[in-house]
C-alpha cells in the first residue's frame, strides 16, 4: 500500500491502525469527536435555605425521632461533657456573609449542650439549629450570651426558633467554651404586653 505525503507525518503504528480500519469499513472511517474536558458542566453552588414548613403529616405517618432511621443523633454515649457532638457555621454579624465554624454543640449535661436538648432532637430540629446560626432575624445579647432567633411562623407556639450560644467557660475545664447551651421553639406571644414578653418576642 502506497502512503501519501500526508500519511508520512503519522506514526507507523497509527498508519497501520487507520489503514486496517479503512479496509474493514470499506473505506469509510468515522472518528467520534470527544468534547474537551474544559467543556464539562460544573454543578451550581448550593446555598443554605430556610427550613420549609409544609403541612404537618398525620400522626400515623409521622415517624418518631427515635424510630426514624434517617435521623442521626450525636453519639454522646459515655462521652465527657466537653466532647463535640456537632459543629455548624455561625454568622456573627447580620448581613455579613462571613461565617465562623464555632457553632459548636458539646455533649454537655442535663443543664446545657446536647444532653439538655436530646429529648427534642429530630431531623427537622437539627436543621433549624443550623439555619438559625446563619440566617437569624434577631439577635439578643446578655453578657457572654448571644440569643439567635429565626422567624419561621409555623404556628403561634412555633413562631420563632431560638439558639442560645455563649463564650462562657465550662466550669470544670477552664479554657473550653460552652458555645451552644440550648435550642428551642419560641412563641409569638401576640396577646402578651410588650413589657412582659420574653425570649425572642422580647428582642427588638
C-alpha atoms as a PDB file:
ATOM      1  CA  UNK A   1       0.000   0.000   0.000  1.00  0.00           C
ATOM      2  CA  UNK A   2       1.408   3.380  -1.043  1.00  0.00           C
ATOM      3  CA  UNK A   3       1.343   6.109   1.599  1.00  0.00           C
ATOM      4  CA  UNK A   4       0.699   9.695   0.688  1.00  0.00           C
ATOM      5  CA  UNK A   5       2.968  12.537   1.760  1.00  0.00           C
ATOM      6  CA  UNK A   6       0.433  13.477   4.436  1.00  0.00           C
ATOM      7  CA  UNK A   7       0.392   9.984   5.951  1.00  0.00           C
ATOM      8  CA  UNK A   8       4.162  10.032   6.327  1.00  0.00           C
ATOM      9  CA  UNK A   9       3.769  12.504   9.181  1.00  0.00           C
ATOM     10  CA  UNK A  10       1.665   9.978  11.093  1.00  0.00           C
ATOM     11  CA  UNK A  11       3.475   7.402  13.278  1.00  0.00           C
ATOM     12  CA  UNK A  12       3.792   3.929  11.675  1.00  0.00           C
ATOM     13  CA  UNK A  13       1.520   2.195  14.258  1.00  0.00           C
ATOM     14  CA  UNK A  14      -1.120   4.897  13.795  1.00  0.00           C
ATOM     15  CA  UNK A  15      -0.947   4.480   9.998  1.00  0.00           C
ATOM     16  CA  UNK A  16      -1.451   0.709  10.288  1.00  0.00           C
ATOM     17  CA  UNK A  17      -4.429   1.191  12.636  1.00  0.00           C
ATOM     18  CA  UNK A  18      -6.072   3.690  10.293  1.00  0.00           C
ATOM     19  CA  UNK A  19      -5.395   1.544   7.220  1.00  0.00           C
ATOM     20  CA  UNK A  20      -6.846  -1.553   8.869  1.00  0.00           C
ATOM     21  CA  UNK A  21      -9.933   0.353   9.996  1.00  0.00           C
ATOM     22  CA  UNK A  22     -10.397   1.734   6.472  1.00  0.00           C
ATOM     23  CA  UNK A  23     -10.298  -1.742   4.953  1.00  0.00           C
ATOM     24  CA  UNK A  24     -12.787  -3.170   7.468  1.00  0.00           C
ATOM     25  CA  UNK A  25     -15.225  -0.326   6.976  1.00  0.00           C
ATOM     26  CA  UNK A  26     -14.910  -0.249   3.196  1.00  0.00           C
ATOM     27  CA  UNK A  27     -13.014   2.983   3.188  1.00  0.00           C
ATOM     28  CA  UNK A  28     -15.479   4.774   5.462  1.00  0.00           C
ATOM     29  CA  UNK A  29     -13.711   5.681   8.674  1.00  0.00           C
ATOM     30  CA  UNK A  30     -15.618   7.596  11.297  1.00  0.00           C
ATOM     31  CA  UNK A  31     -13.750   9.106  14.226  1.00  0.00           C
ATOM     32  CA  UNK A  32     -16.013  10.194  17.137  1.00  0.00           C
ATOM     33  CA  UNK A  33     -15.458  13.669  18.448  1.00  0.00           C
ATOM     34  CA  UNK A  34     -14.849  13.918  22.203  1.00  0.00           C
ATOM     35  CA  UNK A  35     -15.556  17.309  23.801  1.00  0.00           C
ATOM     36  CA  UNK A  36     -12.615  18.808  25.720  1.00  0.00           C
ATOM     37  CA  UNK A  37     -12.561  18.415  29.477  1.00  0.00           C
ATOM     38  CA  UNK A  38     -12.996  22.163  29.853  1.00  0.00           C
ATOM     39  CA  UNK A  39     -16.489  21.880  28.352  1.00  0.00           C
ATOM     40  CA  UNK A  40     -17.745  19.829  31.298  1.00  0.00           C
ATOM     41  CA  UNK A  41     -20.672  21.394  33.091  1.00  0.00           C
ATOM     42  CA  UNK A  42     -19.975  22.359  36.690  1.00  0.00           C
ATOM     43  CA  UNK A  43     -22.643  21.779  39.336  1.00  0.00           C
ATOM     44  CA  UNK A  44     -24.142  25.019  40.628  1.00  0.00           C
ATOM     45  CA  UNK A  45     -23.142  26.114  44.123  1.00  0.00           C
ATOM     46  CA  UNK A  46     -25.691  25.425  46.827  1.00  0.00           C
ATOM     47  CA  UNK A  47     -26.828  27.884  49.473  1.00  0.00           C
ATOM     48  CA  UNK A  48     -28.381  27.400  52.871  1.00  0.00           C
ATOM     49  CA  UNK A  49     -32.146  27.882  52.700  1.00  0.00           C
ATOM     50  CA  UNK A  50     -34.707  28.473  55.400  1.00  0.00           C
ATOM     51  CA  UNK A  51     -36.489  25.329  56.624  1.00  0.00           C
ATOM     52  CA  UNK A  52     -39.655  24.528  54.702  1.00  0.00           C
ATOM     53  CA  UNK A  53     -42.795  24.339  56.838  1.00  0.00           C
ATOM     54  CA  UNK A  54     -45.175  22.227  54.836  1.00  0.00           C
ATOM     55  CA  UNK A  55     -48.445  20.935  56.358  1.00  0.00           C
ATOM     56  CA  UNK A  56     -47.786  18.519  59.209  1.00  0.00           C
ATOM     57  CA  UNK A  57     -48.438  14.859  58.230  1.00  0.00           C
ATOM     58  CA  UNK A  58     -50.971  12.836  60.167  1.00  0.00           C
ATOM     59  CA  UNK A  59     -49.639  11.309  63.410  1.00  0.00           C
ATOM     60  CA  UNK A  60     -49.891   7.806  61.970  1.00  0.00           C
ATOM     61  CA  UNK A  61     -47.466   8.680  59.165  1.00  0.00           C
ATOM     62  CA  UNK A  62     -45.075  10.777  61.248  1.00  0.00           C
ATOM     63  CA  UNK A  63     -42.024   8.776  62.413  1.00  0.00           C
ATOM     64  CA  UNK A  64     -40.835   9.432  65.933  1.00  0.00           C
ATOM     65  CA  UNK A  65     -37.300  10.796  66.431  1.00  0.00           C
ATOM     66  CA  UNK A  66     -36.189   7.516  67.976  1.00  0.00           C
ATOM     67  CA  UNK A  67     -37.628   5.257  65.253  1.00  0.00           C
ATOM     68  CA  UNK A  68     -36.827   7.250  62.114  1.00  0.00           C
ATOM     69  CA  UNK A  69     -33.674   5.695  60.577  1.00  0.00           C
ATOM     70  CA  UNK A  70     -32.964   8.931  58.679  1.00  0.00           C
ATOM     71  CA  UNK A  71     -32.231  10.773  61.919  1.00  0.00           C
ATOM     72  CA  UNK A  72     -28.637  10.525  63.045  1.00  0.00           C
ATOM     73  CA  UNK A  73     -28.213  11.530  66.645  1.00  0.00           C
ATOM     74  CA  UNK A  74     -24.896  12.701  68.086  1.00  0.00           C
ATOM     75  CA  UNK A  75     -23.042   9.859  69.764  1.00  0.00           C
ATOM     76  CA  UNK A  76     -22.576  11.069  73.330  1.00  0.00           C
ATOM     77  CA  UNK A  77     -22.809   7.650  74.971  1.00  0.00           C
ATOM     78  CA  UNK A  78     -20.051   7.535  77.566  1.00  0.00           C
ATOM     79  CA  UNK A  79     -18.571  10.801  76.259  1.00  0.00           C
ATOM     80  CA  UNK A  80     -17.276  13.567  78.512  1.00  0.00           C
ATOM     81  CA  UNK A  81     -19.378  16.730  78.577  1.00  0.00           C
ATOM     82  CA  UNK A  82     -16.871  18.779  76.544  1.00  0.00           C
ATOM     83  CA  UNK A  83     -16.881  16.275  73.674  1.00  0.00           C
ATOM     84  CA  UNK A  84     -18.007  17.988  70.443  1.00  0.00           C
ATOM     85  CA  UNK A  85     -21.221  16.399  69.198  1.00  0.00           C
ATOM     86  CA  UNK A  86     -21.891  18.716  66.246  1.00  0.00           C
ATOM     87  CA  UNK A  87     -20.211  21.677  64.542  1.00  0.00           C
ATOM     88  CA  UNK A  88     -22.019  24.220  62.363  1.00  0.00           C
ATOM     89  CA  UNK A  89     -21.151  27.636  60.985  1.00  0.00           C
ATOM     90  CA  UNK A  90     -22.278  30.802  62.756  1.00  0.00           C
ATOM     91  CA  UNK A  91     -22.721  34.282  61.296  1.00  0.00           C
ATOM     92  CA  UNK A  92     -21.716  36.827  63.974  1.00  0.00           C
ATOM     93  CA  UNK A  93     -22.847  39.916  62.034  1.00  0.00           C
ATOM     94  CA  UNK A  94     -26.248  40.159  60.337  1.00  0.00           C
ATOM     95  CA  UNK A  95     -25.974  40.886  56.623  1.00  0.00           C
ATOM     96  CA  UNK A  96     -22.294  39.957  56.524  1.00  0.00           C
ATOM     97  CA  UNK A  97     -21.708  36.716  54.592  1.00  0.00           C
ATOM     98  CA  UNK A  98     -18.677  35.846  56.733  1.00  0.00           C
ATOM     99  CA  UNK A  99     -19.255  32.768  58.875  1.00  0.00           C
ATOM    100  CA  UNK A 100     -17.195  31.162  61.625  1.00  0.00           C
ATOM    101  CA  UNK A 101     -17.104  27.434  62.354  1.00  0.00           C
ATOM    102  CA  UNK A 102     -17.793  27.851  66.061  1.00  0.00           C
ATOM    103  CA  UNK A 103     -21.439  26.830  66.128  1.00  0.00           C
ATOM    104  CA  UNK A 104     -20.350  24.009  68.403  1.00  0.00           C
ATOM    105  CA  UNK A 105     -22.693  21.721  70.305  1.00  0.00           C
ATOM    106  CA  UNK A 106     -20.960  19.741  73.048  1.00  0.00           C
ATOM    107  CA  UNK A 107     -22.383  16.647  74.705  1.00  0.00           C
ATOM    108  CA  UNK A 108     -22.886  18.708  77.866  1.00  0.00           C
ATOM    109  CA  UNK A 109     -25.162  17.577  80.677  1.00  0.00           C
ATOM    110  CA  UNK A 110     -28.764  17.965  81.814  1.00  0.00           C
ATOM    111  CA  UNK A 111     -28.360  21.772  82.003  1.00  0.00           C
ATOM    112  CA  UNK A 112     -26.632  22.581  78.715  1.00  0.00           C
ATOM    113  CA  UNK A 113     -25.465  21.060  75.430  1.00  0.00           C
ATOM    114  CA  UNK A 114     -26.819  18.065  73.554  1.00  0.00           C
ATOM    115  CA  UNK A 115     -27.925  16.108  76.611  1.00  0.00           C
ATOM    116  CA  UNK A 116     -30.017  19.120  77.638  1.00  0.00           C
ATOM    117  CA  UNK A 117     -31.956  19.137  74.345  1.00  0.00           C
ATOM    118  CA  UNK A 118     -31.735  15.444  73.362  1.00  0.00           C
ATOM    119  CA  UNK A 119     -35.436  14.883  74.072  1.00  0.00           C
ATOM    120  CA  UNK A 120     -36.307  17.474  71.379  1.00  0.00           C
ATOM    121  CA  UNK A 121     -33.931  16.091  68.770  1.00  0.00           C
ATOM    122  CA  UNK A 122     -35.152  15.281  65.280  1.00  0.00           C
ATOM    123  CA  UNK A 123     -34.010  15.778  61.727  1.00  0.00           C
ATOM    124  CA  UNK A 124     -36.035  18.996  61.499  1.00  0.00           C
ATOM    125  CA  UNK A 125     -34.810  20.261  64.863  1.00  0.00           C
ATOM    126  CA  UNK A 126     -31.180  19.852  63.845  1.00  0.00           C
ATOM    127  CA  UNK A 127     -31.890  21.614  60.546  1.00  0.00           C
ATOM    128  CA  UNK A 128     -33.395  24.573  62.403  1.00  0.00           C
ATOM    129  CA  UNK A 129     -30.308  24.932  64.597  1.00  0.00           C
ATOM    130  CA  UNK A 130     -28.077  25.022  61.525  1.00  0.00           C
ATOM    131  CA  UNK A 131     -30.283  27.576  59.741  1.00  0.00           C
ATOM    132  CA  UNK A 132     -30.735  29.812  62.785  1.00  0.00           C
ATOM    133  CA  UNK A 133     -26.996  30.203  63.374  1.00  0.00           C
ATOM    134  CA  UNK A 134     -26.587  31.689  59.877  1.00  0.00           C
ATOM    135  CA  UNK A 135     -29.945  33.149  58.804  1.00  0.00           C
ATOM    136  CA  UNK A 136     -31.122  34.583  62.141  1.00  0.00           C
ATOM    137  CA  UNK A 137     -33.525  37.545  62.054  1.00  0.00           C
ATOM    138  CA  UNK A 138     -32.910  38.909  65.548  1.00  0.00           C
ATOM    139  CA  UNK A 139     -30.022  38.775  67.993  1.00  0.00           C
ATOM    140  CA  UNK A 140     -30.157  39.377  71.717  1.00  0.00           C
ATOM    141  CA  UNK A 141     -27.082  39.997  73.853  1.00  0.00           C
ATOM    142  CA  UNK A 142     -26.799  39.152  77.539  1.00  0.00           C
ATOM    143  CA  UNK A 143     -23.170  39.436  78.609  1.00  0.00           C
ATOM    144  CA  UNK A 144     -21.332  36.488  77.086  1.00  0.00           C
ATOM    145  CA  UNK A 145     -24.546  35.063  75.649  1.00  0.00           C
ATOM    146  CA  UNK A 146     -25.904  35.542  72.152  1.00  0.00           C
ATOM    147  CA  UNK A 147     -29.550  34.661  71.527  1.00  0.00           C
ATOM    148  CA  UNK A 148     -30.240  33.996  67.853  1.00  0.00           C
ATOM    149  CA  UNK A 149     -33.857  33.999  66.675  1.00  0.00           C
ATOM    150  CA  UNK A 150     -35.093  32.771  63.309  1.00  0.00           C
ATOM    151  CA  UNK A 151     -38.651  33.675  62.312  1.00  0.00           C
ATOM    152  CA  UNK A 152     -40.378  30.553  60.998  1.00  0.00           C
ATOM    153  CA  UNK A 153     -44.046  31.407  61.748  1.00  0.00           C
ATOM    154  CA  UNK A 154     -45.062  27.747  61.765  1.00  0.00           C
ATOM    155  CA  UNK A 155     -47.703  28.429  64.423  1.00  0.00           C
ATOM    156  CA  UNK A 156     -48.379  30.679  67.421  1.00  0.00           C
ATOM    157  CA  UNK A 157     -46.235  28.476  69.655  1.00  0.00           C
ATOM    158  CA  UNK A 158     -43.598  27.887  66.986  1.00  0.00           C
ATOM    159  CA  UNK A 159     -43.226  31.397  65.637  1.00  0.00           C
ATOM    160  CA  UNK A 160     -39.507  31.627  66.415  1.00  0.00           C
ATOM    161  CA  UNK A 161     -36.673  29.157  66.634  1.00  0.00           C
ATOM    162  CA  UNK A 162     -34.087  30.133  69.232  1.00  0.00           C
ATOM    163  CA  UNK A 163     -30.465  29.116  69.721  1.00  0.00           C
ATOM    164  CA  UNK A 164     -28.513  30.337  72.762  1.00  0.00           C
ATOM    165  CA  UNK A 165     -24.747  30.494  72.231  1.00  0.00           C
ATOM    166  CA  UNK A 166     -22.109  31.630  74.737  1.00  0.00           C
ATOM    167  CA  UNK A 167     -18.367  32.051  75.197  1.00  0.00           C
ATOM    168  CA  UNK A 168     -18.643  31.251  78.907  1.00  0.00           C
ATOM    169  CA  UNK A 169     -16.214  28.593  80.101  1.00  0.00           C
ATOM    170  CA  UNK A 170     -17.069  25.073  81.161  1.00  0.00           C
ATOM    171  CA  UNK A 171     -16.875  25.296  84.965  1.00  0.00           C
ATOM    172  CA  UNK A 172     -14.546  22.315  85.405  1.00  0.00           C
ATOM    173  CA  UNK A 173     -12.486  22.903  82.246  1.00  0.00           C
ATOM    174  CA  UNK A 174     -11.223  26.472  82.160  1.00  0.00           C
ATOM    175  CA  UNK A 175     -10.296  27.459  78.627  1.00  0.00           C
ATOM    176  CA  UNK A 176     -13.061  25.449  76.947  1.00  0.00           C
ATOM    177  CA  UNK A 177     -16.130  27.429  75.885  1.00  0.00           C
ATOM    178  CA  UNK A 178     -19.626  26.038  76.213  1.00  0.00           C
ATOM    179  CA  UNK A 179     -20.823  27.596  72.927  1.00  0.00           C
ATOM    180  CA  UNK A 180     -24.374  26.267  72.224  1.00  0.00           C
ATOM    181  CA  UNK A 181     -26.215  25.990  75.531  1.00  0.00           C
ATOM    182  CA  UNK A 182     -29.708  25.263  74.300  1.00  0.00           C
ATOM    183  CA  UNK A 183     -32.107  25.451  71.359  1.00  0.00           C
ATOM    184  CA  UNK A 184     -35.886  25.525  71.368  1.00  0.00           C
ATOM    185  CA  UNK A 185     -39.070  26.876  69.790  1.00  0.00           C
ATOM    186  CA  UNK A 186     -40.370  30.232  70.979  1.00  0.00           C
ATOM    187  CA  UNK A 187     -43.953  31.536  70.895  1.00  0.00           C
ATOM    188  CA  UNK A 188     -45.094  34.696  69.133  1.00  0.00           C
ATOM    189  CA  UNK A 189     -46.773  35.984  72.343  1.00  0.00           C
ATOM    190  CA  UNK A 190     -49.339  38.039  70.421  1.00  0.00           C
ATOM    191  CA  UNK A 191     -51.516  38.689  73.475  1.00  0.00           C
ATOM    192  CA  UNK A 192     -48.671  39.458  75.872  1.00  0.00           C
ATOM    193  CA  UNK A 193     -47.959  43.144  76.691  1.00  0.00           C
ATOM    194  CA  UNK A 194     -44.673  44.415  75.291  1.00  0.00           C
ATOM    195  CA  UNK A 195     -43.121  44.886  78.741  1.00  0.00           C
ATOM    196  CA  UNK A 196     -43.949  41.294  79.674  1.00  0.00           C
ATOM    197  CA  UNK A 197     -42.712  39.491  76.599  1.00  0.00           C
ATOM    198  CA  UNK A 198     -39.846  37.032  76.956  1.00  0.00           C
ATOM    199  CA  UNK A 199     -37.356  35.245  74.732  1.00  0.00           C
ATOM    200  CA  UNK A 200     -37.340  36.096  71.027  1.00  0.00           C
ATOM    201  CA  UNK A 201     -40.574  38.072  71.281  1.00  0.00           C
ATOM    202  CA  UNK A 202     -38.822  40.499  73.658  1.00  0.00           C
ATOM    203  CA  UNK A 203     -35.796  41.099  71.427  1.00  0.00           C
ATOM    204  CA  UNK A 204     -36.179  44.072  69.080  1.00  0.00           C
END
